[in-house]
Amino acid sequence: MTTTTHSDHDAALIAAKHNIAAESDPAAKTWRAYLFSDPAAAAAYANRAPAQGAGEAVFSVLPDGKTWAFVYF
């Protein structure tokens, strides 16, 4: 079993955003979906630097508190 700390999780999110930005065609936006443990984690992801530019974000909180973030950038 692998244990992930919050700092590991934050570093992974930042790296993922950098990868998406590097691989994306600036003119072609794509919807992506991420599942987070709670609304605060989803909001933290959406507000984390570096900004991805203009786009949209939609959130859906499940009955167990987990939160889907659907982002378009």
PDB file of N, CA and C in Angstrom:
ATOM      1  N   MET A   1       0.846  -1.176   0.000  1.00  0.00           N
ATOM      2  CA  MET A   1       0.000   0.000   0.000  1.00  0.00           C
ATOM      3  C   MET A   1       0.888   1.235   0.000  1.00  0.00           C
ATOM      4  N   THR A   2       0.561   2.204  -0.831  1.00  0.00           N
ATOM      5  CA  THR A   2       1.327   3.435  -0.926  1.00  0.00           C
ATOM      6  C   THR A   2       0.594   4.533  -0.185  1.00  0.00           C
ATOM      7  N   THR A   3       1.316   5.285   0.607  1.00  0.00           N
ATOM      8  CA  THR A   3       0.742   6.409   1.325  1.00  0.00           C
ATOM      9  C   THR A   3       1.118   7.692   0.608  1.00  0.00           C
ATOM     10  N   THR A   4       0.139   8.550   0.387  1.00  0.00           N
ATOM     11  CA  THR A   4       0.382   9.819  -0.279  1.00  0.00           C
ATOM     12  C   THR A   4       0.102  10.944   0.698  1.00  0.00           C
ATOM     13  N   THR A   5       1.039  11.857   0.842  1.00  0.00           N
ATOM     14  CA  THR A   5       0.834  13.010   1.716  1.00  0.00           C
ATOM     15  C   THR A   5       0.181  14.122   0.916  1.00  0.00           C
ATOM     16  N   HIS A   6      -0.313  15.134   1.633  1.00  0.00           N
ATOM     17  CA  HIS A   6      -0.919  16.277   0.955  1.00  0.00           C
ATOM     18  C   HIS A   6       0.084  16.964   0.044  1.00  0.00           C
ATOM     19  N   SER A   7       1.340  17.080   0.473  1.00  0.00           N
ATOM     20  CA  SER A   7       2.335  17.741  -0.369  1.00  0.00           C
ATOM     21  C   SER A   7       2.593  16.928  -1.633  1.00  0.00           C
ATOM     22  N   ASP A   8       2.577  15.584  -1.533  1.00  0.00           N
ATOM     23  CA  ASP A   8       2.719  14.744  -2.722  1.00  0.00           C
ATOM     24  C   ASP A   8       1.538  14.973  -3.666  1.00  0.00           C
ATOM     25  N   HIS A   9       0.358  15.040  -3.091  1.00  0.00           N
ATOM     26  CA  HIS A   9      -0.851  15.252  -3.882  1.00  0.00           C
ATOM     27  C   HIS A   9      -0.795  16.609  -4.572  1.00  0.00           C
ATOM     28  N   ASP A  10      -0.413  17.651  -3.837  1.00  0.00           N
ATOM     29  CA  ASP A  10      -0.303  18.989  -4.417  1.00  0.00           C
ATOM     30  C   ASP A  10       0.720  19.017  -5.540  1.00  0.00           C
ATOM     31  N   ALA A  11       1.855  18.382  -5.334  1.00  0.00           N
ATOM     32  CA  ALA A  11       2.900  18.343  -6.361  1.00  0.00           C
ATOM     33  C   ALA A  11       2.400  17.614  -7.602  1.00  0.00           C
ATOM     34  N   ALA A  12       1.642  16.545  -7.405  1.00  0.00           N
ATOM     35  CA  ALA A  12       1.101  15.797  -8.542  1.00  0.00           C
ATOM     36  C   ALA A  12       0.092  16.635  -9.319  1.00  0.00           C
ATOM     37  N   LEU A  13      -0.741  17.397  -8.613  1.00  0.00           N
ATOM     38  CA  LEU A  13      -1.709  18.249  -9.293  1.00  0.00           C
ATOM     39  C   LEU A  13      -1.020  19.333 -10.111  1.00  0.00           C
ATOM     40  N   ILE A  14      -0.001  19.947  -9.532  1.00  0.00           N
ATOM     41  CA  ILE A  14       0.737  20.983 -10.255  1.00  0.00           C
ATOM     42  C   ILE A  14       1.412  20.391 -11.482  1.00  0.00           C
ATOM     43  N   ALA A  15       2.022  19.229 -11.332  1.00  0.00           N
ATOM     44  CA  ALA A  15       2.681  18.572 -12.466  1.00  0.00           C
ATOM     45  C   ALA A  15       1.665  18.229 -13.552  1.00  0.00           C
ATOM     46  N   ALA A  16       0.485  17.763 -13.155  1.00  0.00           N
ATOM     47  CA  ALA A  16      -0.546  17.421 -14.136  1.00  0.00           C
ATOM     48  C   ALA A  16      -0.995  18.655 -14.903  1.00  0.00           C
ATOM     49  N   LYS A  17      -1.162  19.773 -14.199  1.00  0.00           N
ATOM     50  CA  LYS A  17      -1.563  21.005 -14.875  1.00  0.00           C
ATOM     51  C   LYS A  17      -0.483  21.473 -15.846  1.00  0.00           C
ATOM     52  N   HIS A  18       0.776  21.349 -15.449  1.00  0.00           N
ATOM     53  CA  HIS A  18       1.875  21.713 -16.351  1.00  0.00           C
ATOM     54  C   HIS A  18       1.869  20.815 -17.586  1.00  0.00           C
ATOM     55  N   ASN A  19       1.677  19.518 -17.395  1.00  0.00           N
ATOM     56  CA  ASN A  19       1.650  18.578 -18.520  1.00  0.00           C
ATOM     57  C   ASN A  19       0.497  18.873 -19.469  1.00  0.00           C
ATOM     58  N   ILE A  20      -0.666  19.128 -18.904  1.00  0.00           N
ATOM     59  CA  ILE A  20      -1.825  19.434 -19.740  1.00  0.00           C
ATOM     60  C   ILE A  20      -1.571  20.708 -20.541  1.00  0.00           C
ATOM     61  N   ALA A  21      -1.019  21.723 -19.879  1.00  0.00           N
ATOM     62  CA  ALA A  21      -0.736  22.979 -20.571  1.00  0.00           C
ATOM     63  C   ALA A  21       0.290  22.777 -21.674  1.00  0.00           C
ATOM     64  N   ALA A  22       1.312  21.975 -21.422  1.00  0.00           N
ATOM     65  CA  ALA A  22       2.372  21.753 -22.408  1.00  0.00           C
ATOM     66  C   ALA A  22       1.875  20.940 -23.598  1.00  0.00           C
ATOM     67  N   GLU A  23       0.966  20.006 -23.353  1.00  0.00           N
ATOM     68  CA  GLU A  23       0.492  19.115 -24.412  1.00  0.00           C
ATOM     69  C   GLU A  23      -0.714  19.657 -25.163  1.00  0.00           C
ATOM     70  N   SER A  24      -1.365  20.660 -24.611  1.00  0.00           N
ATOM     71  CA  SER A  24      -2.606  21.144 -25.202  1.00  0.00           C
ATOM     72  C   SER A  24      -2.350  22.133 -26.328  1.00  0.00           C
ATOM     73  N   ASP A  25      -3.207  22.044 -27.321  1.00  0.00           N
ATOM     74  CA  ASP A  25      -3.245  23.046 -28.373  1.00  0.00           C
ATOM     75  C   ASP A  25      -4.038  24.215 -27.794  1.00  0.00           C
ATOM     76  N   PRO A  26      -3.459  25.412 -27.743  1.00  0.00           N
ATOM     77  CA  PRO A  26      -4.156  26.544 -27.121  1.00  0.00           C
ATOM     78  C   PRO A  26      -5.539  26.810 -27.719  1.00  0.00           C
ATOM     79  N   ALA A  27      -5.735  26.456 -28.975  1.00  0.00           N
ATOM     80  CA  ALA A  27      -7.018  26.706 -29.617  1.00  0.00           C
ATOM     81  C   ALA A  27      -8.036  25.597 -29.338  1.00  0.00           C
ATOM     82  N   ALA A  28      -7.591  24.432 -28.906  1.00  0.00           N
ATOM     83  CA  ALA A  28      -8.484  23.289 -28.688  1.00  0.00           C
ATOM     84  C   ALA A  28      -8.676  23.039 -27.200  1.00  0.00           C
ATOM     85  N   LYS A  29      -9.863  23.380 -26.705  1.00  0.00           N
ATOM     86  CA  LYS A  29     -10.156  23.151 -25.291  1.00  0.00           C
ATOM     87  C   LYS A  29     -10.827  21.792 -25.124  1.00  0.00           C
ATOM     88  N   THR A  30     -10.645  21.189 -23.951  1.00  0.00           N
ATOM     89  CA  THR A  30     -11.159  19.851 -23.679  1.00  0.00           C
ATOM     90  C   THR A  30     -11.770  19.801 -22.286  1.00  0.00           C
ATOM     91  N   TRP A  31     -12.901  19.102 -22.146  1.00  0.00           N
ATOM     92  CA  TRP A  31     -13.471  18.853 -20.828  1.00  0.00           C
ATOM     93  C   TRP A  31     -12.670  17.743 -20.159  1.00  0.00           C
ATOM     94  N   ARG A  32     -12.361  17.914 -18.896  1.00  0.00           N
ATOM     95  CA  ARG A  32     -11.674  16.891 -18.106  1.00  0.00           C
ATOM     96  C   ARG A  32     -12.453  16.736 -16.796  1.00  0.00           C
ATOM     97  N   ALA A  33     -12.436  15.538 -16.230  1.00  0.00           N
ATOM     98  CA  ALA A  33     -13.158  15.271 -14.987  1.00  0.00           C
ATOM     99  C   ALA A  33     -12.198  14.717 -13.948  1.00  0.00           C
ATOM    100  N   TYR A  34     -12.299  15.254 -12.727  1.00  0.00           N
ATOM    101  CA  TYR A  34     -11.451  14.815 -11.617  1.00  0.00           C
ATOM    102  C   TYR A  34     -12.344  14.596 -10.400  1.00  0.00           C
ATOM    103  N   LEU A  35     -12.088  13.540  -9.642  1.00  0.00           N
ATOM    104  CA  LEU A  35     -12.847  13.253  -8.427  1.00  0.00           C
ATOM    105  C   LEU A  35     -11.982  13.587  -7.221  1.00  0.00           C
ATOM    106  N   PHE A  36     -12.526  14.415  -6.316  1.00  0.00           N
ATOM    107  CA  PHE A  36     -11.802  14.844  -5.120  1.00  0.00           C
ATOM    108  C   PHE A  36     -12.512  14.348  -3.865  1.00  0.00           C
ATOM    109  N   SER A  37     -11.781  14.330  -2.771  1.00  0.00           N
ATOM    110  CA  SER A  37     -12.312  13.806  -1.507  1.00  0.00           C
ATOM    111  C   SER A  37     -13.391  14.697  -0.902  1.00  0.00           C
ATOM    112  N   ASP A  38     -13.367  15.998  -1.202  1.00  0.00           N
ATOM    113  CA  ASP A  38     -14.347  16.923  -0.651  1.00  0.00           C
ATOM    114  C   ASP A  38     -14.367  18.212  -1.474  1.00  0.00           C
ATOM    115  N   PRO A  39     -15.369  19.087  -1.252  1.00  0.00           N
ATOM    116  CA  PRO A  39     -15.461  20.323  -2.029  1.00  0.00           C
ATOM    117  C   PRO A  39     -14.239  21.239  -1.870  1.00  0.00           C
ATOM    118  N   ALA A  40     -13.655  21.272  -0.684  1.00  0.00           N
ATOM    119  CA  ALA A  40     -12.489  22.134  -0.470  1.00  0.00           C
ATOM    120  C   ALA A  40     -11.316  21.704  -1.347  1.00  0.00           C
ATOM    121  N   ALA A  41     -11.121  20.402  -1.494  1.00  0.00           N
ATOM    122  CA  ALA A  41     -10.029  19.903  -2.338  1.00  0.00           C
ATOM    123  C   ALA A  41     -10.280  20.245  -3.803  1.00  0.00           C
ATOM    124  N   ALA A  42     -11.531  20.151  -4.247  1.00  0.00           N
ATOM    125  CA  ALA A  42     -11.864  20.496  -5.631  1.00  0.00           C
ATOM    126  C   ALA A  42     -11.646  21.980  -5.885  1.00  0.00           C
ATOM    127  N   ALA A  43     -12.067  22.817  -4.939  1.00  0.00           N
ATOM    128  CA  ALA A  43     -11.869  24.259  -5.086  1.00  0.00           C
ATOM    129  C   ALA A  43     -10.389  24.611  -5.069  1.00  0.00           C
ATOM    130  N   ALA A  44      -9.628  23.947  -4.220  1.00  0.00           N
ATOM    131  CA  ALA A  44      -8.184  24.202  -4.166  1.00  0.00           C
ATOM    132  C   ALA A  44      -7.534  23.854  -5.499  1.00  0.00           C
ATOM    133  N   TYR A  45      -7.972  22.758  -6.123  1.00  0.00           N
ATOM    134  CA  TYR A  45      -7.432  22.383  -7.434  1.00  0.00           C
ATOM    135  C   TYR A  45      -7.760  23.455  -8.472  1.00  0.00           C
ATOM    136  N   ALA A  46      -9.008  23.897  -8.484  1.00  0.00           N
ATOM    137  CA  ALA A  46      -9.435  24.876  -9.484  1.00  0.00           C
ATOM    138  C   ALA A  46      -8.714  26.210  -9.325  1.00  0.00           C
ATOM    139  N   ASN A  47      -8.321  26.539  -8.111  1.00  0.00           N
ATOM    140  CA  ASN A  47      -7.679  27.828  -7.844  1.00  0.00           C
ATOM    141  C   ASN A  47      -6.166  27.759  -7.759  1.00  0.00           C
ATOM    142  N   ARG A  48      -5.585  26.589  -7.958  1.00  0.00           N
ATOM    143  CA  ARG A  48      -4.141  26.418  -7.825  1.00  0.00           C
ATOM    144  C   ARG A  48      -3.403  27.049  -9.001  1.00  0.00           C
ATOM    145  N   ALA A  49      -2.284  27.689  -8.704  1.00  0.00           N
ATOM    146  CA  ALA A  49      -1.412  28.248  -9.745  1.00  0.00           C
ATOM    147  C   ALA A  49      -0.622  27.107 -10.368  1.00  0.00           C
ATOM    148  N   PRO A  50      -0.194  27.168 -11.577  1.00  0.00           N
ATOM    149  CA  PRO A  50      -0.408  28.294 -12.493  1.00  0.00           C
ATOM    150  C   PRO A  50      -1.789  28.221 -13.124  1.00  0.00           C
ATOM    151  N   ALA A  51      -2.332  29.390 -13.419  1.00  0.00           N
ATOM    152  CA  ALA A  51      -3.640  29.450 -14.066  1.00  0.00           C
ATOM    153  C   ALA A  51      -3.549  28.853 -15.465  1.00  0.00           C
ATOM    154  N   GLN A  52      -4.615  28.205 -15.884  1.00  0.00           N
ATOM    155  CA  GLN A  52      -4.633  27.568 -17.196  1.00  0.00           C
ATOM    156  C   GLN A  52      -5.194  28.473 -18.282  1.00  0.00           C
ATOM    157  N   GLY A  53      -5.580  29.679 -17.936  1.00  0.00           N
ATOM    158  CA  GLY A  53      -6.188  30.565 -18.922  1.00  0.00           C
ATOM    159  C   GLY A  53      -7.697  30.495 -18.817  1.00  0.00           C
ATOM    160  N   ALA A  54      -8.351  31.144 -19.774  1.00  0.00           N
ATOM    161  CA  ALA A  54      -9.807  31.198 -19.762  1.00  0.00           C
ATOM    162  C   ALA A  54     -10.395  29.804 -19.921  1.00  0.00           C
ATOM    163  N   GLY A  55     -11.451  29.546 -19.192  1.00  0.00           N
ATOM    164  CA  GLY A  55     -12.102  28.246 -19.267  1.00  0.00           C
ATOM    165  C   GLY A  55     -13.318  28.220 -18.370  1.00  0.00           C
ATOM    166  N   GLU A  56     -13.820  27.043 -18.094  1.00  0.00           N
ATOM    167  CA  GLU A  56     -14.985  26.868 -17.240  1.00  0.00           C
ATOM    168  C   GLU A  56     -14.722  25.749 -16.250  1.00  0.00           C
ATOM    169  N   ALA A  57     -15.441  25.799 -15.137  1.00  0.00           N
ATOM    170  CA  ALA A  57     -15.371  24.717 -14.155  1.00  0.00           C
ATOM    171  C   ALA A  57     -16.774  24.494 -13.591  1.00  0.00           C
ATOM    172  N   VAL A  58     -17.148  23.230 -13.459  1.00  0.00           N
ATOM    173  CA  VAL A  58     -18.431  22.848 -12.879  1.00  0.00           C
ATOM    174  C   VAL A  58     -18.138  21.809 -11.807  1.00  0.00           C
ATOM    175  N   PHE A  59     -18.814  21.935 -10.663  1.00  0.00           N
ATOM    176  CA  PHE A  59     -18.574  21.022  -9.551  1.00  0.00           C
ATOM    177  C   PHE A  59     -19.865  20.303  -9.194  1.00  0.00           C
ATOM    178  N   SER A  60     -19.738  19.044  -8.789  1.00  0.00           N
ATOM    179  CA  SER A  60     -20.887  18.246  -8.369  1.00  0.00           C
ATOM    180  C   SER A  60     -20.509  17.481  -7.108  1.00  0.00           C
ATOM    181  N   VAL A  61     -21.216  17.781  -6.012  1.00  0.00           N
ATOM    182  CA  VAL A  61     -20.932  17.133  -4.730  1.00  0.00           C
ATOM    183  C   VAL A  61     -21.821  15.899  -4.590  1.00  0.00           C
ATOM    184  N   LEU A  62     -21.201  14.762  -4.322  1.00  0.00           N
ATOM    185  CA  LEU A  62     -21.920  13.500  -4.155  1.00  0.00           C
ATOM    186  C   LEU A  62     -22.440  13.371  -2.724  1.00  0.00           C
ATOM    187  N   PRO A  63     -23.404  12.486  -2.469  1.00  0.00           N
ATOM    188  CA  PRO A  63     -23.944  12.316  -1.123  1.00  0.00           C
ATOM    189  C   PRO A  63     -22.883  11.980  -0.070  1.00  0.00           C
ATOM    190  N   ASP A  64     -21.802  11.300  -0.467  1.00  0.00           N
ATOM    191  CA  ASP A  64     -20.764  10.949   0.506  1.00  0.00           C
ATOM    192  C   ASP A  64     -19.733  12.066   0.696  1.00  0.00           C
ATOM    193  N   GLY A  65     -19.940  13.214   0.052  1.00  0.00           N
ATOM    194  CA  GLY A  65     -19.042  14.352   0.210  1.00  0.00           C
ATOM    195  C   GLY A  65     -17.972  14.458  -0.860  1.00  0.00           C
ATOM    196  N   LYS A  66     -17.727  13.364  -1.577  1.00  0.00           N
ATOM    197  CA  LYS A  66     -16.751  13.437  -2.668  1.00  0.00           C
ATOM    198  C   LYS A  66     -17.271  14.419  -3.710  1.00  0.00           C
ATOM    199  N   THR A  67     -16.347  15.051  -4.421  1.00  0.00           N
ATOM    200  CA  THR A  67     -16.733  16.109  -5.345  1.00  0.00           C
ATOM    201  C   THR A  67     -16.097  15.921  -6.711  1.00  0.00           C
ATOM    202  N   TRP A  68     -16.929  15.933  -7.740  1.00  0.00           N
ATOM    203  CA  TRP A  68     -16.433  15.911  -9.111  1.00  0.00           C
ATOM    204  C   TRP A  68     -16.154  17.340  -9.539  1.00  0.00           C
ATOM    205  N   ALA A  69     -15.027  17.547 -10.194  1.00  0.00           N
ATOM    206  CA  ALA A  69     -14.719  18.825 -10.828  1.00  0.00           C
ATOM    207  C   ALA A  69     -14.619  18.556 -12.320  1.00  0.00           C
ATOM    208  N   PHE A  70     -15.440  19.238 -13.080  1.00  0.00           N
ATOM    209  CA  PHE A  70     -15.404  19.149 -14.537  1.00  0.00           C
ATOM    210  C   PHE A  70     -14.830  20.469 -15.027  1.00  0.00           C
ATOM    211  N   VAL A  71     -13.675  20.419 -15.647  1.00  0.00           N
ATOM    212  CA  VAL A  71     -13.007  21.650 -16.080  1.00  0.00           C
ATOM    213  C   VAL A  71     -12.853  21.649 -17.591  1.00  0.00           C
ATOM    214  N   TYR A  72     -12.962  22.820 -18.169  1.00  0.00           N
ATOM    215  CA  TYR A  72     -12.855  23.000 -19.619  1.00  0.00           C
ATOM    216  C   TYR A  72     -11.819  24.076 -19.876  1.00  0.00           C
ATOM    217  N   PHE A  73     -10.675  23.640 -20.373  1.00  0.00           N
ATOM    218  CA  PHE A  73      -9.629  24.601 -20.734  1.00  0.00           C
ATOM    219  C   PHE A  73      -8.732  23.988 -21.775  1.00  0.00           C
TER     220      PHE A  73
END
